[in-house]
Amino acid sequence: MESQEDLIISVIDLSMARTGNLDESYMTAMGAQLGYALEKMLAGVPLDCFLKIRGNPAEIQSLLAAMGAEKHHLEALMKHGYDSPATSSTSQAVLRAIQNFEKMTGLPWPIR
């Protein structure tokens, strides 16, 4: 596992849609940050060691739920494979979490 000194600290501001400062470059950067976060989560690094999240409590909770659903889905894919019913159910959970994130934040989910 990496030491905390080796981790890149990212800041994600979920209020960007409300403030009108949202552009394509921000969404690209956010997608890269969340991809990095998923990689570290799968390696067992706690999310709060490398990711700072700004936003209201509902926005932050929706992001954490979506990230957790993505992580569980990737773990199911690695354990059971693509065609497994277990993987299918985690896929549906990801879709629900993403829809909630988009509803709460007004941001499109940047990982596809």
N, C-alpha and C. Protein backbone atom coordinates (compact mmCIF):
# COMPACT_ATOMS: atom_id res chain seq x y z
N MET A 1 0.85 -1.18 0.00
CA MET A 1 0.00 0.00 0.00
C MET A 1 0.90 1.23 0.00
N GLU A 2 0.45 2.28 -0.67
CA GLU A 2 1.21 3.51 -0.75
C GLU A 2 1.17 4.25 0.59
N SER A 3 2.24 4.99 0.86
CA SER A 3 2.21 5.84 2.05
C SER A 3 1.39 7.08 1.73
N GLN A 4 0.95 7.77 2.75
CA GLN A 4 0.14 8.96 2.54
C GLN A 4 0.91 10.03 1.78
N GLU A 5 2.23 10.05 1.90
CA GLU A 5 3.04 11.04 1.18
C GLU A 5 3.00 10.80 -0.32
N ASP A 6 2.75 9.55 -0.75
CA ASP A 6 2.73 9.22 -2.17
C ASP A 6 1.38 9.46 -2.83
N LEU A 7 0.34 9.72 -2.05
CA LEU A 7 -0.99 9.90 -2.59
C LEU A 7 -1.19 11.32 -3.11
N ILE A 8 -1.91 11.43 -4.20
CA ILE A 8 -2.27 12.73 -4.75
C ILE A 8 -3.57 13.16 -4.10
N ILE A 9 -3.58 14.33 -3.50
CA ILE A 9 -4.79 14.85 -2.86
C ILE A 9 -5.60 15.60 -3.90
N SER A 10 -6.83 15.20 -4.10
CA SER A 10 -7.73 15.84 -5.06
C SER A 10 -8.86 16.53 -4.31
N VAL A 11 -9.33 17.62 -4.88
CA VAL A 11 -10.48 18.34 -4.33
C VAL A 11 -11.57 18.34 -5.39
N ILE A 12 -12.74 17.87 -5.02
CA ILE A 12 -13.90 17.87 -5.92
C ILE A 12 -14.94 18.81 -5.31
N ASP A 13 -15.36 19.78 -6.10
CA ASP A 13 -16.35 20.76 -5.66
C ASP A 13 -17.67 20.45 -6.36
N LEU A 14 -18.61 19.92 -5.60
CA LEU A 14 -19.90 19.52 -6.16
C LEU A 14 -20.86 20.69 -6.35
N SER A 15 -20.47 21.87 -5.93
CA SER A 15 -21.33 23.04 -6.09
C SER A 15 -21.15 23.73 -7.44
N MET A 16 -20.31 23.20 -8.30
CA MET A 16 -20.01 23.85 -9.58
C MET A 16 -21.25 24.08 -10.44
N ALA A 17 -22.18 23.16 -10.43
CA ALA A 17 -23.41 23.34 -11.24
C ALA A 17 -24.24 24.50 -10.68
N ARG A 18 -24.28 24.64 -9.38
CA ARG A 18 -25.05 25.74 -8.76
C ARG A 18 -24.42 27.09 -9.02
N THR A 19 -23.09 27.15 -9.06
CA THR A 19 -22.41 28.43 -9.20
C THR A 19 -22.26 28.87 -10.65
N GLY A 20 -22.56 27.95 -11.59
CA GLY A 20 -22.45 28.30 -13.00
C GLY A 20 -21.03 28.25 -13.55
N ASN A 21 -20.10 27.68 -12.79
CA ASN A 21 -18.70 27.60 -13.21
C ASN A 21 -18.34 26.25 -13.82
N LEU A 22 -19.32 25.53 -14.28
CA LEU A 22 -19.11 24.19 -14.80
C LEU A 22 -18.75 24.25 -16.28
N ASP A 23 -17.67 23.57 -16.65
CA ASP A 23 -17.32 23.46 -18.07
C ASP A 23 -16.77 22.06 -18.34
N GLU A 24 -16.49 21.79 -19.60
CA GLU A 24 -16.05 20.46 -20.00
C GLU A 24 -14.72 20.09 -19.36
N SER A 25 -13.82 21.05 -19.23
CA SER A 25 -12.52 20.73 -18.64
C SER A 25 -12.66 20.33 -17.17
N TYR A 26 -13.60 20.97 -16.46
CA TYR A 26 -13.83 20.58 -15.06
C TYR A 26 -14.35 19.15 -14.99
N MET A 27 -15.30 18.81 -15.87
CA MET A 27 -15.87 17.46 -15.85
C MET A 27 -14.81 16.42 -16.22
N THR A 28 -13.92 16.75 -17.16
CA THR A 28 -12.83 15.84 -17.53
C THR A 28 -11.90 15.62 -16.33
N ALA A 29 -11.55 16.71 -15.66
CA ALA A 29 -10.69 16.60 -14.48
C ALA A 29 -11.38 15.80 -13.37
N MET A 30 -12.66 16.05 -13.17
CA MET A 30 -13.41 15.33 -12.14
C MET A 30 -13.45 13.84 -12.46
N GLY A 31 -13.64 13.49 -13.72
CA GLY A 31 -13.63 12.08 -14.12
C GLY A 31 -12.30 11.43 -13.83
N ALA A 32 -11.21 12.14 -14.11
CA ALA A 32 -9.87 11.60 -13.82
C ALA A 32 -9.66 11.45 -12.32
N GLN A 33 -10.12 12.43 -11.54
CA GLN A 33 -9.98 12.36 -10.08
C GLN A 33 -10.77 11.18 -9.51
N LEU A 34 -11.98 10.99 -10.01
CA LEU A 34 -12.79 9.89 -9.50
C LEU A 34 -12.25 8.53 -9.95
N GLY A 35 -11.68 8.48 -11.15
CA GLY A 35 -11.03 7.25 -11.61
C GLY A 35 -9.85 6.89 -10.71
N TYR A 36 -9.05 7.88 -10.37
CA TYR A 36 -7.93 7.69 -9.45
C TYR A 36 -8.45 7.23 -8.09
N ALA A 37 -9.53 7.87 -7.64
CA ALA A 37 -10.12 7.51 -6.35
C ALA A 37 -10.58 6.06 -6.34
N LEU A 38 -11.24 5.62 -7.41
CA LEU A 38 -11.68 4.22 -7.48
C LEU A 38 -10.50 3.26 -7.44
N GLU A 39 -9.44 3.61 -8.15
CA GLU A 39 -8.24 2.77 -8.16
C GLU A 39 -7.69 2.61 -6.74
N LYS A 40 -7.61 3.72 -6.01
CA LYS A 40 -7.08 3.67 -4.65
C LYS A 40 -8.04 2.95 -3.70
N MET A 41 -9.35 3.16 -3.89
CA MET A 41 -10.33 2.46 -3.06
C MET A 41 -10.21 0.95 -3.24
N LEU A 42 -10.03 0.50 -4.48
CA LEU A 42 -9.88 -0.93 -4.74
C LEU A 42 -8.61 -1.49 -4.12
N ALA A 43 -7.62 -0.62 -3.93
CA ALA A 43 -6.36 -1.04 -3.29
C ALA A 43 -6.46 -1.00 -1.77
N GLY A 44 -7.62 -0.55 -1.25
CA GLY A 44 -7.83 -0.54 0.19
C GLY A 44 -7.45 0.75 0.90
N VAL A 45 -7.18 1.80 0.14
CA VAL A 45 -6.84 3.09 0.75
C VAL A 45 -8.14 3.82 1.09
N PRO A 46 -8.29 4.29 2.33
CA PRO A 46 -9.51 5.02 2.69
C PRO A 46 -9.65 6.30 1.86
N LEU A 47 -10.85 6.56 1.42
CA LEU A 47 -11.15 7.69 0.54
C LEU A 47 -10.72 9.02 1.12
N ASP A 48 -10.87 9.20 2.41
CA ASP A 48 -10.55 10.50 3.00
C ASP A 48 -9.05 10.78 3.08
N CYS A 49 -8.22 9.81 2.72
CA CYS A 49 -6.77 10.02 2.69
C CYS A 49 -6.32 10.80 1.46
N PHE A 50 -7.12 10.81 0.42
CA PHE A 50 -6.66 11.42 -0.83
C PHE A 50 -7.73 12.22 -1.56
N LEU A 51 -8.93 12.33 -1.01
CA LEU A 51 -9.99 13.05 -1.70
C LEU A 51 -10.71 13.97 -0.73
N LYS A 52 -10.76 15.23 -1.08
CA LYS A 52 -11.51 16.22 -0.31
C LYS A 52 -12.72 16.60 -1.15
N ILE A 53 -13.89 16.60 -0.53
CA ILE A 53 -15.14 16.85 -1.26
C ILE A 53 -15.81 18.08 -0.67
N ARG A 54 -16.16 19.01 -1.55
CA ARG A 54 -16.91 20.20 -1.15
C ARG A 54 -18.31 20.11 -1.72
N GLY A 55 -19.27 20.54 -0.93
CA GLY A 55 -20.66 20.54 -1.36
C GLY A 55 -21.54 20.45 -0.13
N ASN A 56 -22.85 20.43 -0.37
CA ASN A 56 -23.74 20.29 0.78
C ASN A 56 -23.80 18.81 1.19
N PRO A 57 -24.31 18.51 2.37
CA PRO A 57 -24.31 17.11 2.84
C PRO A 57 -25.00 16.12 1.89
N ALA A 58 -26.10 16.51 1.25
CA ALA A 58 -26.79 15.59 0.34
C ALA A 58 -25.94 15.32 -0.89
N GLU A 59 -25.25 16.33 -1.41
CA GLU A 59 -24.38 16.14 -2.57
C GLU A 59 -23.22 15.22 -2.23
N ILE A 60 -22.61 15.47 -1.08
CA ILE A 60 -21.47 14.65 -0.67
C ILE A 60 -21.90 13.20 -0.46
N GLN A 61 -23.03 12.99 0.20
CA GLN A 61 -23.53 11.63 0.42
C GLN A 61 -23.83 10.92 -0.89
N SER A 62 -24.38 11.65 -1.86
CA SER A 62 -24.70 11.03 -3.15
C SER A 62 -23.42 10.63 -3.88
N LEU A 63 -22.36 11.44 -3.77
CA LEU A 63 -21.09 11.07 -4.40
C LEU A 63 -20.50 9.84 -3.72
N LEU A 64 -20.50 9.82 -2.39
CA LEU A 64 -19.95 8.68 -1.67
C LEU A 64 -20.72 7.40 -1.98
N ALA A 65 -22.04 7.51 -2.10
CA ALA A 65 -22.86 6.33 -2.43
C ALA A 65 -22.54 5.84 -3.85
N ALA A 66 -22.39 6.76 -4.79
CA ALA A 66 -22.07 6.37 -6.16
C ALA A 66 -20.68 5.74 -6.25
N MET A 67 -19.72 6.32 -5.54
CA MET A 67 -18.38 5.75 -5.53
C MET A 67 -18.37 4.37 -4.89
N GLY A 68 -19.11 4.21 -3.80
CA GLY A 68 -19.20 2.89 -3.16
C GLY A 68 -19.85 1.87 -4.07
N ALA A 69 -20.90 2.27 -4.78
CA ALA A 69 -21.57 1.36 -5.71
C ALA A 69 -20.63 0.97 -6.85
N GLU A 70 -19.89 1.94 -7.37
CA GLU A 70 -18.91 1.64 -8.44
C GLU A 70 -17.87 0.65 -7.93
N LYS A 71 -17.37 0.86 -6.72
CA LYS A 71 -16.37 -0.04 -6.15
C LYS A 71 -16.92 -1.45 -6.00
N HIS A 72 -18.12 -1.58 -5.45
CA HIS A 72 -18.71 -2.91 -5.27
C HIS A 72 -18.94 -3.59 -6.62
N HIS A 73 -19.34 -2.81 -7.61
CA HIS A 73 -19.56 -3.38 -8.94
C HIS A 73 -18.25 -3.89 -9.53
N LEU A 74 -17.18 -3.11 -9.42
CA LEU A 74 -15.89 -3.55 -9.94
C LEU A 74 -15.39 -4.79 -9.21
N GLU A 75 -15.61 -4.84 -7.91
CA GLU A 75 -15.23 -6.04 -7.15
C GLU A 75 -16.02 -7.25 -7.61
N ALA A 76 -17.32 -7.08 -7.87
CA ALA A 76 -18.15 -8.19 -8.36
C ALA A 76 -17.69 -8.64 -9.74
N LEU A 77 -17.33 -7.67 -10.59
CA LEU A 77 -16.82 -8.03 -11.92
C LEU A 77 -15.56 -8.88 -11.80
N MET A 78 -14.65 -8.47 -10.92
CA MET A 78 -13.39 -9.21 -10.77
C MET A 78 -13.62 -10.59 -10.16
N LYS A 79 -14.59 -10.70 -9.26
CA LYS A 79 -14.83 -11.97 -8.56
C LYS A 79 -15.70 -12.93 -9.37
N HIS A 80 -16.78 -12.41 -9.98
CA HIS A 80 -17.77 -13.28 -10.60
C HIS A 80 -17.79 -13.24 -12.12
N GLY A 81 -17.20 -12.21 -12.72
CA GLY A 81 -17.24 -12.07 -14.17
C GLY A 81 -18.45 -11.26 -14.62
N TYR A 82 -18.45 -10.93 -15.89
CA TYR A 82 -19.44 -10.02 -16.45
C TYR A 82 -20.86 -10.59 -16.46
N ASP A 83 -21.02 -11.88 -16.74
CA ASP A 83 -22.34 -12.47 -16.94
C ASP A 83 -23.02 -12.98 -15.68
N SER A 84 -22.42 -12.80 -14.55
CA SER A 84 -22.96 -13.32 -13.30
C SER A 84 -24.17 -12.50 -12.83
N PRO A 85 -25.18 -13.17 -12.25
CA PRO A 85 -26.31 -12.43 -11.66
C PRO A 85 -25.87 -11.47 -10.55
N ALA A 86 -24.83 -11.84 -9.81
CA ALA A 86 -24.32 -10.95 -8.75
C ALA A 86 -23.80 -9.65 -9.37
N THR A 87 -23.14 -9.76 -10.49
CA THR A 87 -22.61 -8.58 -11.17
C THR A 87 -23.75 -7.74 -11.74
N SER A 88 -24.77 -8.41 -12.24
CA SER A 88 -25.92 -7.69 -12.79
C SER A 88 -26.62 -6.87 -11.72
N SER A 89 -26.76 -7.42 -10.52
CA SER A 89 -27.43 -6.68 -9.45
C SER A 89 -26.59 -5.48 -9.00
N THR A 90 -25.27 -5.63 -8.98
CA THR A 90 -24.44 -4.49 -8.61
C THR A 90 -24.46 -3.42 -9.70
N SER A 91 -24.63 -3.85 -10.93
CA SER A 91 -24.75 -2.89 -12.04
C SER A 91 -25.99 -2.03 -11.87
N GLN A 92 -27.09 -2.64 -11.47
CA GLN A 92 -28.33 -1.88 -11.24
C GLN A 92 -28.17 -0.92 -10.06
N ALA A 93 -27.43 -1.34 -9.04
CA ALA A 93 -27.19 -0.46 -7.89
C ALA A 93 -26.36 0.75 -8.30
N VAL A 94 -25.39 0.54 -9.19
CA VAL A 94 -24.59 1.66 -9.71
C VAL A 94 -25.48 2.65 -10.45
N LEU A 95 -26.34 2.14 -11.30
CA LEU A 95 -27.22 3.02 -12.07
C LEU A 95 -28.11 3.86 -11.16
N ARG A 96 -28.67 3.24 -10.12
CA ARG A 96 -29.50 3.98 -9.17
C ARG A 96 -28.69 5.05 -8.44
N ALA A 97 -27.49 4.69 -8.01
CA ALA A 97 -26.64 5.65 -7.29
C ALA A 97 -26.23 6.81 -8.19
N ILE A 98 -25.94 6.52 -9.45
CA ILE A 98 -25.58 7.57 -10.41
C ILE A 98 -26.76 8.50 -10.64
N GLN A 99 -27.95 7.94 -10.81
CA GLN A 99 -29.14 8.77 -11.01
C GLN A 99 -29.36 9.69 -9.81
N ASN A 100 -29.15 9.17 -8.60
CA ASN A 100 -29.31 9.99 -7.41
C ASN A 100 -28.25 11.09 -7.36
N PHE A 101 -27.00 10.75 -7.69
CA PHE A 101 -25.94 11.74 -7.73
C PHE A 101 -26.29 12.87 -8.70
N GLU A 102 -26.72 12.51 -9.90
CA GLU A 102 -27.06 13.51 -10.91
C GLU A 102 -28.23 14.39 -10.46
N LYS A 103 -29.19 13.79 -9.79
CA LYS A 103 -30.34 14.54 -9.28
C LYS A 103 -29.92 15.50 -8.17
N MET A 104 -29.08 15.03 -7.25
CA MET A 104 -28.66 15.84 -6.11
C MET A 104 -27.73 16.98 -6.50
N THR A 105 -26.83 16.73 -7.45
CA THR A 105 -25.78 17.71 -7.76
C THR A 105 -26.05 18.53 -9.01
N GLY A 106 -26.86 18.01 -9.93
CA GLY A 106 -27.02 18.67 -11.22
C GLY A 106 -25.84 18.43 -12.14
N LEU A 107 -24.92 17.55 -11.73
CA LEU A 107 -23.74 17.22 -12.53
C LEU A 107 -23.94 15.87 -13.20
N PRO A 108 -23.46 15.72 -14.44
CA PRO A 108 -23.49 14.38 -15.03
C PRO A 108 -22.39 13.52 -14.39
N TRP A 109 -22.65 12.23 -14.27
CA TRP A 109 -21.66 11.33 -13.71
C TRP A 109 -20.50 11.23 -14.71
N PRO A 110 -19.26 11.56 -14.28
CA PRO A 110 -18.17 11.66 -15.25
C PRO A 110 -17.47 10.36 -15.60
N ILE A 111 -17.87 9.26 -14.98
CA ILE A 111 -17.23 7.97 -15.27
C ILE A 111 -18.21 7.13 -16.06
N ARG A 112 -17.80 6.68 -17.21
CA ARG A 112 -18.66 5.79 -18.03
C ARG A 112 -17.90 4.59 -18.47
